[in-house]
Amino acid sequence: MESQTKGKIDEAQFFLLKFKENYNSEEFRYYLSAFISAARSIIWVMNSEFKNDPIFNMWYTERLPTEEEKTLFKRFNDLRITTTKQKPIETHRLISSITIQPANFIEADFIDKMCLVNISEPDKDGKQSLSFISESGKIIEGEICNYKIVNELHDDEDLYILCEKYLDSLIKIYNEWILTENSSEKSGTPRL
């Protein structure tokens, strides 16, 4: 029989993959919300699955989260509260690089003197173009090459990368339990 916790991890991995596949569309928000709900419940399911095992209870009580885990778990708990109890997660894209044609036309100090006029909606391939007006009135067009999706709670890091880190931390905790000598002898539950 498959571990209930493993099933919940698989569910979170599914929604994370869908989030990645839909990164360039607005539908990613639905997969992000589903991922947060599934991932946040992994530890709850794990506690429920193994609650009658005194060795698990002792191990879980003694296993203290690292500072990095505490920070990550707090961030995702805040996101879960927002998305399940208050409102959909509000996100925006931070542009980190663009390509401007002709490439040799732009100098660093000149970019500061341009005014952004328009950013197009993503096309079917997720590409977006943008237009600037230079100080002299010349229209300069470019394409967004790289961006990250952030939200109002976490403007410093791409949400997809945060989701990967969060899931990796949860899988690490699960694997630590499964690899515990007493638990692996008793349960025979496979390692991820």
N, C-alpha and C. Protein backbone atom coordinates (compact mmCIF):
# COMPACT_ATOMS: atom_id res chain seq x y z
N MET A 1 0.84 -1.18 0.00
CA MET A 1 0.00 0.00 0.00
C MET A 1 0.89 1.25 0.00
N GLU A 2 0.54 2.21 -0.86
CA GLU A 2 1.33 3.43 -0.94
C GLU A 2 1.09 4.29 0.29
N SER A 3 2.14 4.93 0.72
CA SER A 3 2.04 5.85 1.84
C SER A 3 1.09 6.99 1.49
N GLN A 4 0.25 7.37 2.45
CA GLN A 4 -0.65 8.50 2.25
C GLN A 4 0.16 9.79 2.07
N THR A 5 1.24 9.88 2.79
CA THR A 5 2.10 11.06 2.67
C THR A 5 2.73 11.12 1.29
N LYS A 6 3.18 9.98 0.78
CA LYS A 6 3.75 9.92 -0.57
C LYS A 6 2.71 10.35 -1.60
N GLY A 7 1.46 9.94 -1.40
CA GLY A 7 0.39 10.36 -2.30
C GLY A 7 0.20 11.87 -2.30
N LYS A 8 0.30 12.48 -1.14
CA LYS A 8 0.15 13.94 -1.04
C LYS A 8 1.36 14.64 -1.67
N ILE A 9 2.55 14.06 -1.52
CA ILE A 9 3.74 14.61 -2.17
C ILE A 9 3.57 14.54 -3.69
N ASP A 10 3.08 13.42 -4.19
CA ASP A 10 2.84 13.28 -5.63
C ASP A 10 1.85 14.34 -6.12
N GLU A 11 0.83 14.61 -5.34
CA GLU A 11 -0.16 15.64 -5.70
C GLU A 11 0.50 17.01 -5.79
N ALA A 12 1.31 17.34 -4.80
CA ALA A 12 2.01 18.63 -4.82
C ALA A 12 2.96 18.72 -6.02
N GLN A 13 3.66 17.63 -6.32
CA GLN A 13 4.57 17.61 -7.47
C GLN A 13 3.79 17.81 -8.77
N PHE A 14 2.62 17.22 -8.88
CA PHE A 14 1.77 17.38 -10.06
C PHE A 14 1.42 18.86 -10.26
N PHE A 15 0.96 19.52 -9.20
CA PHE A 15 0.56 20.92 -9.33
C PHE A 15 1.76 21.84 -9.56
N LEU A 16 2.91 21.49 -9.00
CA LEU A 16 4.11 22.28 -9.26
C LEU A 16 4.51 22.16 -10.74
N LEU A 17 4.41 20.97 -11.30
CA LEU A 17 4.71 20.78 -12.72
C LEU A 17 3.73 21.59 -13.57
N LYS A 18 2.45 21.57 -13.22
CA LYS A 18 1.46 22.34 -13.97
C LYS A 18 1.72 23.84 -13.85
N PHE A 19 2.16 24.27 -12.68
CA PHE A 19 2.53 25.68 -12.49
C PHE A 19 3.65 26.03 -13.46
N LYS A 20 4.68 25.18 -13.52
CA LYS A 20 5.81 25.44 -14.41
C LYS A 20 5.38 25.45 -15.88
N GLU A 21 4.55 24.48 -16.27
CA GLU A 21 4.08 24.40 -17.66
C GLU A 21 3.25 25.61 -18.06
N ASN A 22 2.60 26.24 -17.10
CA ASN A 22 1.71 27.38 -17.37
C ASN A 22 2.29 28.70 -16.89
N TYR A 23 3.60 28.74 -16.70
CA TYR A 23 4.28 29.91 -16.16
C TYR A 23 4.01 31.16 -16.99
N ASN A 24 3.86 31.01 -18.30
CA ASN A 24 3.65 32.16 -19.18
C ASN A 24 2.19 32.49 -19.41
N SER A 25 1.29 31.81 -18.73
CA SER A 25 -0.13 32.12 -18.89
C SER A 25 -0.71 32.54 -17.54
N GLU A 26 -1.90 33.08 -17.59
CA GLU A 26 -2.55 33.50 -16.34
C GLU A 26 -3.06 32.30 -15.54
N GLU A 27 -3.19 31.14 -16.17
CA GLU A 27 -3.68 29.96 -15.47
C GLU A 27 -2.73 29.45 -14.40
N PHE A 28 -1.46 29.91 -14.44
CA PHE A 28 -0.51 29.43 -13.44
C PHE A 28 -1.02 29.70 -12.03
N ARG A 29 -1.82 30.74 -11.83
CA ARG A 29 -2.32 31.08 -10.49
C ARG A 29 -3.15 29.96 -9.88
N TYR A 30 -3.92 29.28 -10.73
CA TYR A 30 -4.76 28.19 -10.23
C TYR A 30 -3.88 27.03 -9.76
N TYR A 31 -2.83 26.75 -10.52
CA TYR A 31 -1.93 25.67 -10.14
C TYR A 31 -1.07 26.05 -8.93
N LEU A 32 -0.72 27.31 -8.82
CA LEU A 32 0.01 27.78 -7.65
C LEU A 32 -0.84 27.60 -6.40
N SER A 33 -2.08 27.98 -6.46
CA SER A 33 -2.98 27.83 -5.32
C SER A 33 -3.16 26.36 -4.95
N ALA A 34 -3.35 25.50 -5.95
CA ALA A 34 -3.51 24.06 -5.69
C ALA A 34 -2.22 23.48 -5.11
N PHE A 35 -1.08 23.93 -5.62
CA PHE A 35 0.20 23.46 -5.08
C PHE A 35 0.33 23.82 -3.61
N ILE A 36 0.04 25.07 -3.28
CA ILE A 36 0.17 25.53 -1.89
C ILE A 36 -0.70 24.69 -0.96
N SER A 37 -1.94 24.42 -1.37
CA SER A 37 -2.83 23.61 -0.54
C SER A 37 -2.31 22.19 -0.38
N ALA A 38 -1.88 21.59 -1.48
CA ALA A 38 -1.38 20.21 -1.42
C ALA A 38 -0.09 20.13 -0.62
N ALA A 39 0.84 21.03 -0.88
CA ALA A 39 2.14 20.98 -0.20
C ALA A 39 1.99 21.27 1.29
N ARG A 40 1.16 22.24 1.62
CA ARG A 40 0.99 22.60 3.03
C ARG A 40 0.40 21.44 3.83
N SER A 41 -0.36 20.56 3.19
CA SER A 41 -0.99 19.46 3.91
C SER A 41 -0.09 18.23 4.05
N ILE A 42 1.09 18.23 3.42
CA ILE A 42 1.98 17.06 3.48
C ILE A 42 2.33 16.70 4.93
N ILE A 43 2.73 17.66 5.71
CA ILE A 43 3.12 17.38 7.10
C ILE A 43 1.90 16.96 7.92
N TRP A 44 0.75 17.56 7.66
CA TRP A 44 -0.47 17.15 8.38
C TRP A 44 -0.81 15.69 8.08
N VAL A 45 -0.73 15.33 6.79
CA VAL A 45 -1.03 13.95 6.40
C VAL A 45 0.01 13.01 7.01
N MET A 46 1.26 13.43 7.00
CA MET A 46 2.33 12.61 7.59
C MET A 46 2.05 12.35 9.08
N ASN A 47 1.67 13.39 9.79
CA ASN A 47 1.34 13.24 11.21
C ASN A 47 0.15 12.31 11.41
N SER A 48 -0.84 12.43 10.56
CA SER A 48 -2.01 11.56 10.65
C SER A 48 -1.66 10.11 10.34
N GLU A 49 -0.85 9.92 9.31
CA GLU A 49 -0.49 8.56 8.88
C GLU A 49 0.32 7.81 9.95
N PHE A 50 1.21 8.51 10.60
CA PHE A 50 2.12 7.84 11.54
C PHE A 50 1.84 8.16 13.01
N LYS A 51 0.70 8.77 13.30
CA LYS A 51 0.42 9.22 14.67
C LYS A 51 0.40 8.09 15.71
N ASN A 52 0.11 6.88 15.31
CA ASN A 52 0.06 5.76 16.25
C ASN A 52 1.41 5.08 16.45
N ASP A 53 2.43 5.60 15.81
CA ASP A 53 3.77 5.04 15.93
C ASP A 53 4.53 5.87 16.97
N PRO A 54 4.80 5.31 18.16
CA PRO A 54 5.49 6.09 19.19
C PRO A 54 6.89 6.53 18.77
N ILE A 55 7.53 5.74 17.93
CA ILE A 55 8.87 6.13 17.45
C ILE A 55 8.76 7.37 16.56
N PHE A 56 7.73 7.39 15.70
CA PHE A 56 7.52 8.58 14.87
C PHE A 56 7.27 9.80 15.75
N ASN A 57 6.39 9.65 16.73
CA ASN A 57 6.05 10.78 17.60
C ASN A 57 7.29 11.33 18.30
N MET A 58 8.15 10.45 18.78
CA MET A 58 9.39 10.89 19.42
C MET A 58 10.31 11.57 18.40
N TRP A 59 10.47 10.94 17.23
CA TRP A 59 11.32 11.51 16.19
C TRP A 59 10.81 12.89 15.76
N TYR A 60 9.51 13.00 15.52
CA TYR A 60 8.93 14.25 15.03
C TYR A 60 9.07 15.36 16.08
N THR A 61 8.87 15.02 17.34
CA THR A 61 8.99 16.00 18.42
C THR A 61 10.43 16.50 18.54
N GLU A 62 11.39 15.61 18.34
CA GLU A 62 12.80 15.97 18.48
C GLU A 62 13.38 16.63 17.23
N ARG A 63 12.73 16.43 16.09
CA ARG A 63 13.26 17.00 14.84
C ARG A 63 12.90 18.49 14.78
N LEU A 64 13.89 19.32 14.96
CA LEU A 64 13.67 20.75 14.93
C LEU A 64 13.96 21.29 13.53
N PRO A 65 13.10 22.17 13.05
CA PRO A 65 13.37 22.74 11.72
C PRO A 65 14.58 23.66 11.76
N THR A 66 15.29 23.69 10.65
CA THR A 66 16.41 24.63 10.52
C THR A 66 15.85 26.04 10.40
N GLU A 67 16.70 27.02 10.54
CA GLU A 67 16.26 28.42 10.38
C GLU A 67 15.69 28.65 8.97
N GLU A 68 16.35 28.06 7.98
CA GLU A 68 15.87 28.19 6.60
C GLU A 68 14.48 27.57 6.45
N GLU A 69 14.27 26.39 7.06
CA GLU A 69 12.95 25.75 7.00
C GLU A 69 11.91 26.60 7.70
N LYS A 70 12.25 27.15 8.86
CA LYS A 70 11.29 28.00 9.59
C LYS A 70 10.83 29.16 8.72
N THR A 71 11.79 29.82 8.08
CA THR A 71 11.47 30.96 7.22
C THR A 71 10.59 30.53 6.05
N LEU A 72 10.98 29.45 5.41
CA LEU A 72 10.22 28.94 4.26
C LEU A 72 8.81 28.51 4.67
N PHE A 73 8.70 27.79 5.77
CA PHE A 73 7.39 27.32 6.23
C PHE A 73 6.49 28.49 6.61
N LYS A 74 7.07 29.52 7.20
CA LYS A 74 6.28 30.72 7.54
C LYS A 74 5.78 31.40 6.27
N ARG A 75 6.63 31.52 5.28
CA ARG A 75 6.23 32.15 4.02
C ARG A 75 5.05 31.41 3.39
N PHE A 76 5.14 30.08 3.38
CA PHE A 76 4.07 29.31 2.74
C PHE A 76 2.82 29.25 3.59
N ASN A 77 2.97 29.31 4.89
CA ASN A 77 1.77 29.38 5.72
C ASN A 77 1.05 30.70 5.46
N ASP A 78 1.81 31.80 5.34
CA ASP A 78 1.20 33.10 5.01
C ASP A 78 0.49 33.04 3.66
N LEU A 79 1.12 32.42 2.67
CA LEU A 79 0.49 32.28 1.35
C LEU A 79 -0.77 31.43 1.43
N ARG A 80 -0.70 30.34 2.20
CA ARG A 80 -1.87 29.46 2.35
C ARG A 80 -3.02 30.21 3.00
N ILE A 81 -2.73 30.95 4.04
CA ILE A 81 -3.78 31.73 4.71
C ILE A 81 -4.40 32.72 3.73
N THR A 82 -3.56 33.39 2.97
CA THR A 82 -4.06 34.35 1.99
C THR A 82 -4.97 33.68 0.97
N THR A 83 -4.49 32.58 0.36
CA THR A 83 -5.24 31.98 -0.74
C THR A 83 -6.46 31.17 -0.29
N THR A 84 -6.44 30.62 0.91
CA THR A 84 -7.59 29.81 1.34
C THR A 84 -8.59 30.57 2.19
N LYS A 85 -8.15 31.68 2.79
CA LYS A 85 -9.05 32.36 3.73
C LYS A 85 -9.35 33.82 3.39
N GLN A 86 -8.54 34.42 2.47
CA GLN A 86 -8.73 35.84 2.25
C GLN A 86 -9.03 36.20 0.81
N LYS A 87 -8.16 35.79 -0.11
CA LYS A 87 -8.29 36.21 -1.51
C LYS A 87 -7.34 35.40 -2.36
N PRO A 88 -7.54 35.41 -3.68
CA PRO A 88 -6.54 34.78 -4.55
C PRO A 88 -5.19 35.47 -4.39
N ILE A 89 -4.14 34.72 -4.63
CA ILE A 89 -2.80 35.29 -4.53
C ILE A 89 -2.60 36.29 -5.66
N GLU A 90 -2.21 37.49 -5.29
CA GLU A 90 -1.92 38.52 -6.29
C GLU A 90 -0.46 38.42 -6.67
N THR A 91 -0.20 38.33 -7.95
CA THR A 91 1.18 38.21 -8.43
C THR A 91 1.44 39.28 -9.48
N HIS A 92 2.70 39.49 -9.73
CA HIS A 92 3.12 40.34 -10.84
C HIS A 92 4.46 39.84 -11.33
N ARG A 93 4.81 40.26 -12.51
CA ARG A 93 6.07 39.84 -13.12
C ARG A 93 7.10 40.96 -12.99
N LEU A 94 8.28 40.60 -12.52
CA LEU A 94 9.39 41.54 -12.49
C LEU A 94 10.31 41.21 -13.65
N ILE A 95 10.48 42.16 -14.54
CA ILE A 95 11.33 41.96 -15.70
C ILE A 95 12.79 42.07 -15.28
N SER A 96 13.57 41.05 -15.63
CA SER A 96 14.98 41.09 -15.25
C SER A 96 15.90 41.31 -16.44
N SER A 97 15.43 41.03 -17.65
CA SER A 97 16.26 41.35 -18.82
C SER A 97 15.38 41.49 -20.06
N ILE A 98 15.83 42.33 -20.96
CA ILE A 98 15.13 42.54 -22.23
C ILE A 98 16.15 42.57 -23.36
N THR A 99 15.64 42.31 -24.56
CA THR A 99 16.45 42.45 -25.76
C THR A 99 15.87 43.61 -26.55
N ILE A 100 16.72 44.53 -26.93
CA ILE A 100 16.27 45.70 -27.69
C ILE A 100 16.96 45.68 -29.03
N GLN A 101 16.19 45.95 -30.09
CA GLN A 101 16.74 45.94 -31.44
C GLN A 101 16.87 47.37 -31.95
N PRO A 102 17.91 47.77 -32.59
CA PRO A 102 19.14 47.00 -32.75
C PRO A 102 19.92 46.98 -31.43
N ALA A 103 20.52 45.87 -31.11
CA ALA A 103 21.18 45.65 -29.82
C ALA A 103 22.28 46.65 -29.54
N ASN A 104 23.03 47.07 -30.56
CA ASN A 104 24.15 47.96 -30.32
C ASN A 104 23.72 49.42 -30.16
N PHE A 105 22.45 49.69 -30.26
CA PHE A 105 21.94 51.05 -30.19
C PHE A 105 21.89 51.58 -28.75
N ILE A 106 21.71 50.71 -27.80
CA ILE A 106 21.44 51.13 -26.43
C ILE A 106 22.71 51.18 -25.59
N GLU A 107 22.87 52.28 -24.89
CA GLU A 107 23.95 52.40 -23.92
C GLU A 107 23.31 52.49 -22.54
N ALA A 108 24.03 52.06 -21.53
CA ALA A 108 23.47 51.97 -20.18
C ALA A 108 22.86 53.28 -19.70
N ASP A 109 23.56 54.39 -19.88
CA ASP A 109 23.03 55.65 -19.37
C ASP A 109 21.82 56.13 -20.18
N PHE A 110 21.71 55.67 -21.41
CA PHE A 110 20.58 56.04 -22.26
C PHE A 110 19.31 55.37 -21.78
N ILE A 111 19.40 54.14 -21.29
CA ILE A 111 18.22 53.40 -20.83
C ILE A 111 17.51 54.16 -19.73
N ASP A 112 18.26 54.81 -18.86
CA ASP A 112 17.65 55.57 -17.77
C ASP A 112 16.82 56.74 -18.26
N LYS A 113 17.05 57.18 -19.49
CA LYS A 113 16.34 58.33 -20.02
C LYS A 113 15.16 57.94 -20.91
N MET A 114 14.79 56.65 -20.89
CA MET A 114 13.67 56.20 -21.70
C MET A 114 12.42 56.07 -20.85
N CYS A 115 11.29 56.21 -21.48
CA CYS A 115 10.01 56.07 -20.81
C CYS A 115 9.28 54.85 -21.38
N LEU A 116 8.89 53.92 -20.53
CA LEU A 116 8.17 52.74 -20.98
C LEU A 116 6.78 53.15 -21.43
N VAL A 117 6.40 52.72 -22.63
CA VAL A 117 5.13 53.10 -23.20
C VAL A 117 4.14 51.94 -23.16
N ASN A 118 4.59 50.75 -23.54
CA ASN A 118 3.65 49.65 -23.69
C ASN A 118 4.33 48.31 -23.44
N ILE A 119 3.62 47.42 -22.77
CA ILE A 119 4.02 46.02 -22.67
C ILE A 119 2.85 45.21 -23.21
N SER A 120 3.12 44.38 -24.21
CA SER A 120 2.05 43.59 -24.83
C SER A 120 1.62 42.45 -23.93
N GLU A 121 0.45 41.91 -24.21
CA GLU A 121 0.01 40.68 -23.57
C GLU A 121 0.89 39.55 -24.10
N PRO A 122 1.11 38.50 -23.32
CA PRO A 122 1.91 37.38 -23.84
C PRO A 122 1.24 36.75 -25.06
N ASP A 123 2.04 36.40 -26.07
CA ASP A 123 1.50 35.68 -27.22
C ASP A 123 1.36 34.21 -26.85
N LYS A 124 0.98 33.36 -27.83
CA LYS A 124 0.75 31.94 -27.54
C LYS A 124 1.99 31.22 -27.03
N ASP A 125 3.17 31.76 -27.31
CA ASP A 125 4.42 31.18 -26.82
C ASP A 125 4.89 31.83 -25.53
N GLY A 126 4.09 32.75 -25.00
CA GLY A 126 4.45 33.42 -23.76
C GLY A 126 5.38 34.60 -23.93
N LYS A 127 5.70 34.97 -25.17
CA LYS A 127 6.62 36.08 -25.41
C LYS A 127 5.86 37.41 -25.31
N GLN A 128 6.56 38.39 -24.75
CA GLN A 128 5.98 39.72 -24.64
C GLN A 128 6.95 40.74 -25.22
N SER A 129 6.37 41.73 -25.89
CA SER A 129 7.22 42.81 -26.40
C SER A 129 6.93 44.07 -25.59
N LEU A 130 7.85 45.01 -25.68
CA LEU A 130 7.65 46.28 -25.02
C LEU A 130 8.18 47.40 -25.89
N SER A 131 7.65 48.59 -25.64
CA SER A 131 8.05 49.77 -26.40
C SER A 131 8.47 50.87 -25.43
N PHE A 132 9.53 51.57 -25.82
CA PHE A 132 10.02 52.71 -25.06
C PHE A 132 10.02 53.93 -25.97
N ILE A 133 9.96 55.10 -25.38
CA ILE A 133 10.19 56.34 -26.12
C ILE A 133 11.43 56.96 -25.51
N SER A 134 12.40 57.27 -26.37
CA SER A 134 13.64 57.88 -25.89
C SER A 134 13.40 59.36 -25.61
N GLU A 135 14.36 59.97 -24.98
CA GLU A 135 14.28 61.39 -24.68
C GLU A 135 14.07 62.22 -25.96
N SER A 136 14.62 61.74 -27.06
CA SER A 136 14.49 62.47 -28.33
C SER A 136 13.20 62.13 -29.06
N GLY A 137 12.37 61.24 -28.49
CA GLY A 137 11.09 60.89 -29.11
C GLY A 137 11.14 59.65 -29.98
N LYS A 138 12.29 59.02 -30.09
CA LYS A 138 12.42 57.82 -30.91
C LYS A 138 11.78 56.63 -30.19
N ILE A 139 10.99 55.85 -30.93
CA ILE A 139 10.36 54.65 -30.36
C ILE A 139 11.33 53.49 -30.50
N ILE A 140 11.57 52.82 -29.40
CA ILE A 140 12.48 51.68 -29.37
C ILE A 140 11.67 50.48 -28.89
N GLU A 141 11.78 49.38 -29.63
CA GLU A 141 11.02 48.18 -29.28
C GLU A 141 11.95 47.07 -28.84
N GLY A 142 11.43 46.21 -27.99
CA GLY A 142 12.23 45.09 -27.50
C GLY A 142 11.34 43.94 -27.10
N GLU A 143 11.98 42.89 -26.65
CA GLU A 143 11.27 41.69 -26.21
C GLU A 143 11.75 41.34 -24.80
N ILE A 144 10.80 40.97 -23.95
CA ILE A 144 11.16 40.56 -22.60
C ILE A 144 11.80 39.18 -22.68
N CYS A 145 13.00 39.07 -22.17
CA CYS A 145 13.74 37.81 -22.22
C CYS A 145 13.59 37.00 -20.94
N ASN A 146 13.53 37.68 -19.83
CA ASN A 146 13.55 36.97 -18.57
C ASN A 146 12.76 37.76 -17.54
N TYR A 147 11.96 37.08 -16.75
CA TYR A 147 11.23 37.71 -15.67
C TYR A 147 10.98 36.67 -14.59
N LYS A 148 10.54 37.15 -13.45
CA LYS A 148 10.15 36.24 -12.39
C LYS A 148 8.77 36.65 -11.90
N ILE A 149 8.02 35.66 -11.42
CA ILE A 149 6.70 35.91 -10.87
C ILE A 149 6.86 36.05 -9.36
N VAL A 150 6.39 37.16 -8.83
CA VAL A 150 6.48 37.43 -7.40
C VAL A 150 5.10 37.83 -6.90
N ASN A 151 4.95 37.93 -5.59
CA ASN A 151 3.71 38.45 -5.05
C ASN A 151 4.02 39.49 -4.00
N GLU A 152 2.96 40.11 -3.47
CA GLU A 152 3.18 41.23 -2.55
C GLU A 152 3.87 40.81 -1.26
N LEU A 153 3.79 39.55 -0.88
CA LEU A 153 4.44 39.08 0.35
C LEU A 153 5.91 38.74 0.13
N HIS A 154 6.28 38.40 -1.11
CA HIS A 154 7.63 37.89 -1.38
C HIS A 154 8.16 38.47 -2.69
N ASP A 155 8.49 39.74 -2.67
CA ASP A 155 8.99 40.41 -3.87
C ASP A 155 10.43 40.06 -4.20
N ASP A 156 11.09 39.34 -3.31
CA ASP A 156 12.51 39.12 -3.49
C ASP A 156 12.87 37.85 -4.26
N GLU A 157 11.93 36.93 -4.42
CA GLU A 157 12.29 35.67 -5.04
C GLU A 157 11.14 35.15 -5.91
N ASP A 158 11.49 34.52 -7.01
CA ASP A 158 10.53 33.93 -7.93
C ASP A 158 9.69 32.89 -7.19
N LEU A 159 8.37 32.97 -7.33
CA LEU A 159 7.48 32.04 -6.63
C LEU A 159 7.70 30.59 -7.03
N TYR A 160 8.03 30.33 -8.29
CA TYR A 160 8.27 28.95 -8.69
C TYR A 160 9.49 28.38 -7.95
N ILE A 161 10.55 29.16 -7.85
CA ILE A 161 11.75 28.71 -7.15
C ILE A 161 11.45 28.49 -5.67
N LEU A 162 10.67 29.39 -5.08
CA LEU A 162 10.26 29.20 -3.69
C LEU A 162 9.45 27.92 -3.52
N CYS A 163 8.56 27.65 -4.47
CA CYS A 163 7.75 26.42 -4.40
C CYS A 163 8.64 25.18 -4.47
N GLU A 164 9.63 25.20 -5.35
CA GLU A 164 10.56 24.06 -5.44
C GLU A 164 11.30 23.85 -4.12
N LYS A 165 11.78 24.94 -3.53
CA LYS A 165 12.51 24.84 -2.26
C LYS A 165 11.60 24.28 -1.16
N TYR A 166 10.38 24.76 -1.14
CA TYR A 166 9.43 24.32 -0.12
C TYR A 166 9.16 22.81 -0.26
N LEU A 167 8.87 22.38 -1.47
CA LEU A 167 8.59 20.96 -1.68
C LEU A 167 9.83 20.12 -1.37
N ASP A 168 11.00 20.58 -1.77
CA ASP A 168 12.24 19.85 -1.45
C ASP A 168 12.42 19.69 0.07
N SER A 169 12.09 20.74 0.82
CA SER A 169 12.20 20.67 2.28
C SER A 169 11.23 19.65 2.86
N LEU A 170 10.02 19.62 2.33
CA LEU A 170 9.02 18.67 2.81
C LEU A 170 9.42 17.23 2.48
N ILE A 171 9.92 17.02 1.28
CA ILE A 171 10.39 15.68 0.88
C ILE A 171 11.57 15.26 1.76
N LYS A 172 12.44 16.21 2.06
CA LYS A 172 13.59 15.91 2.93
C LYS A 172 13.11 15.42 4.29
N ILE A 173 12.12 16.08 4.86
CA ILE A 173 11.59 15.66 6.17
C ILE A 173 10.99 14.26 6.07
N TYR A 174 10.21 14.03 5.03
CA TYR A 174 9.62 12.70 4.83
C TYR A 174 10.70 11.64 4.71
N ASN A 175 11.70 11.90 3.90
CA ASN A 175 12.79 10.93 3.70
C ASN A 175 13.59 10.70 4.98
N GLU A 176 13.78 11.74 5.77
CA GLU A 176 14.47 11.56 7.05
C GLU A 176 13.72 10.56 7.92
N TRP A 177 12.40 10.69 7.93
CA TRP A 177 11.60 9.76 8.72
C TRP A 177 11.70 8.34 8.15
N ILE A 178 11.55 8.22 6.85
CA ILE A 178 11.58 6.90 6.21
C ILE A 178 12.94 6.25 6.41
N LEU A 179 13.99 7.03 6.41
CA LEU A 179 15.33 6.47 6.57
C LEU A 179 15.70 6.19 8.03
N THR A 180 14.88 6.64 8.93
CA THR A 180 15.12 6.32 10.33
C THR A 180 15.08 4.81 10.48
N GLU A 181 16.06 4.28 11.13
CA GLU A 181 16.21 2.81 11.21
C GLU A 181 14.94 2.12 11.66
N ASN A 182 14.33 2.59 12.70
CA ASN A 182 13.14 1.92 13.22
C ASN A 182 11.95 2.03 12.28
N SER A 183 11.78 3.16 11.64
CA SER A 183 10.61 3.33 10.78
C SER A 183 10.73 2.49 9.52
N SER A 184 11.92 2.40 8.94
CA SER A 184 12.05 1.65 7.70
C SER A 184 11.87 0.15 7.94
N GLU A 185 12.25 -0.32 9.10
CA GLU A 185 12.04 -1.73 9.42
C GLU A 185 10.56 -2.02 9.61
N LYS A 186 9.84 -1.07 10.23
CA LYS A 186 8.43 -1.30 10.54
C LYS A 186 7.52 -1.13 9.33
N SER A 187 7.72 -0.06 8.60
CA SER A 187 6.74 0.29 7.59
C SER A 187 7.06 -0.25 6.20
N GLY A 188 8.33 -0.38 5.89
CA GLY A 188 8.70 -0.78 4.53
C GLY A 188 8.31 0.26 3.49
N THR A 189 8.03 1.48 3.92
CA THR A 189 7.60 2.54 3.01
C THR A 189 8.77 2.97 2.14
N PRO A 190 8.55 3.10 0.83
CA PRO A 190 9.66 3.45 -0.07
C PRO A 190 10.14 4.89 0.12
N ARG A 191 11.40 5.08 -0.09
CA ARG A 191 12.01 6.40 -0.07
C ARG A 191 11.72 7.08 -1.40
N LEU A 192 11.56 8.39 -1.38
CA LEU A 192 11.31 9.15 -2.62
C LEU A 192 12.58 9.32 -3.40
